[in-house]
Amino acid sequence: MCRNIRTLHNFEPSATSAEVDAAALQYVRKISGTTKPSQANREAFDQAVHEIAHITQHLLEALVTNAPPKNREEEAVKAKARSAARFGAA
């Protein structure tokens, strides 16, 4: 999976539409193999991003869990610690 796509489920506050759109864009970029589509492919690219974002939002709304919501700041600290352990402190 693309490392730029982050988990969006079970956060408080819940994922914003901008976060969902960014994840959809990263997904379409990954599977299409391009970050900037040609003029001929722009409409299909943008439509795919829109549809994937829409479906992703529905998925996030439908998912249920008994786990307590995660805190974004705490998760960011954990991610930085994992990165430092993996790549060394910068």
Protein backbone atom coordinates (compact mmCIF):
# COMPACT_ATOMS: atom_id res chain seq x y z
CA MET A 1 0.00 0.00 0.00
CA CYS A 2 1.12 3.55 -0.62
CA ARG A 3 2.79 4.93 2.49
CA ASN A 4 1.11 8.29 1.96
CA ILE A 5 -2.37 6.85 2.47
CA ARG A 6 -3.15 7.01 6.18
CA THR A 7 -5.71 5.17 8.26
CA LEU A 8 -8.82 7.34 8.54
CA HIS A 9 -11.09 5.12 10.63
CA ASN A 10 -11.75 5.51 14.36
CA PHE A 11 -10.29 8.94 15.00
CA GLU A 12 -11.78 11.69 17.08
CA PRO A 13 -12.63 14.01 15.44
CA SER A 14 -13.49 11.88 12.43
CA ALA A 15 -11.70 12.24 9.10
CA THR A 16 -12.41 15.42 7.19
CA SER A 17 -13.49 15.48 3.57
CA ALA A 18 -10.06 16.95 2.72
CA GLU A 19 -8.35 13.91 4.28
CA VAL A 20 -10.65 11.54 2.39
CA ASP A 21 -10.00 13.43 -0.88
CA ALA A 22 -6.24 13.34 -0.29
CA ALA A 23 -6.33 9.57 0.29
CA ALA A 24 -8.41 9.07 -2.86
CA LEU A 25 -5.98 11.18 -4.87
CA GLN A 26 -3.00 9.19 -3.58
CA TYR A 27 -4.77 5.92 -4.42
CA VAL A 28 -5.57 7.00 -7.99
CA ARG A 29 -2.02 8.30 -8.47
CA LYS A 30 -0.63 4.99 -7.27
CA ILE A 31 -2.74 2.73 -9.45
CA SER A 32 -2.54 4.96 -12.53
CA GLY A 33 1.22 5.37 -12.22
CA THR A 34 1.09 9.12 -12.67
CA THR A 35 0.92 12.15 -10.42
CA LYS A 36 -0.27 14.46 -13.17
CA PRO A 37 -2.46 12.95 -15.88
CA SER A 38 -2.32 14.10 -19.48
CA GLN A 39 -5.06 16.34 -20.87
CA ALA A 40 -6.61 13.29 -22.51
CA ASN A 41 -6.83 11.45 -19.18
CA ARG A 42 -7.64 14.37 -16.85
CA GLU A 43 -11.42 13.83 -16.84
CA ALA A 44 -11.15 10.09 -16.12
CA PHE A 45 -8.53 10.75 -13.42
CA ASP A 46 -10.62 13.40 -11.67
CA GLN A 47 -13.78 11.28 -11.92
CA ALA A 48 -11.97 8.33 -10.32
CA VAL A 49 -10.73 10.51 -7.46
CA HIS A 50 -14.25 11.83 -6.88
CA GLU A 51 -15.87 8.38 -6.92
CA ILE A 52 -13.25 6.81 -4.66
CA ALA A 53 -13.55 9.67 -2.17
CA HIS A 54 -17.33 9.26 -2.17
CA ILE A 55 -17.17 5.50 -1.58
CA THR A 56 -14.47 5.95 1.07
CA GLN A 57 -16.66 8.39 2.98
CA HIS A 58 -19.53 5.88 2.89
CA LEU A 59 -17.21 3.15 4.13
CA LEU A 60 -15.93 5.26 7.03
CA GLU A 61 -19.51 6.13 8.04
CA ALA A 62 -20.57 2.47 7.94
CA LEU A 63 -17.66 0.98 9.90
CA VAL A 64 -18.27 0.20 13.56
CA THR A 65 -15.85 -0.57 16.34
CA ASN A 66 -15.84 -1.15 20.08
CA ALA A 67 -12.35 0.33 20.42
CA PRO A 68 -12.04 3.84 21.80
CA PRO A 69 -11.31 6.54 19.21
CA LYS A 70 -7.65 7.25 18.53
CA ASN A 71 -6.10 10.63 19.21
CA ARG A 72 -4.40 12.17 16.16
CA GLU A 73 -1.59 13.77 18.14
CA GLU A 74 -0.78 10.56 20.02
CA GLU A 75 -0.76 8.58 16.78
CA ALA A 76 1.57 11.15 15.18
CA VAL A 77 4.00 10.81 18.11
CA LYS A 78 3.92 7.01 17.76
CA ALA A 79 4.56 7.27 14.01
CA LYS A 80 7.54 9.58 14.56
CA ALA A 81 8.96 7.16 17.13
CA ARG A 82 8.58 4.24 14.70
CA SER A 83 10.24 6.28 11.96
CA ALA A 84 13.14 7.26 14.24
CA ALA A 85 13.63 3.64 15.26
CA ARG A 86 13.53 2.51 11.63
CA PHE A 87 15.62 5.23 9.99
CA GLY A 88 17.48 6.79 12.90
CA ALA A 89 17.03 10.24 14.37
CA ALA A 90 17.40 13.09 11.91
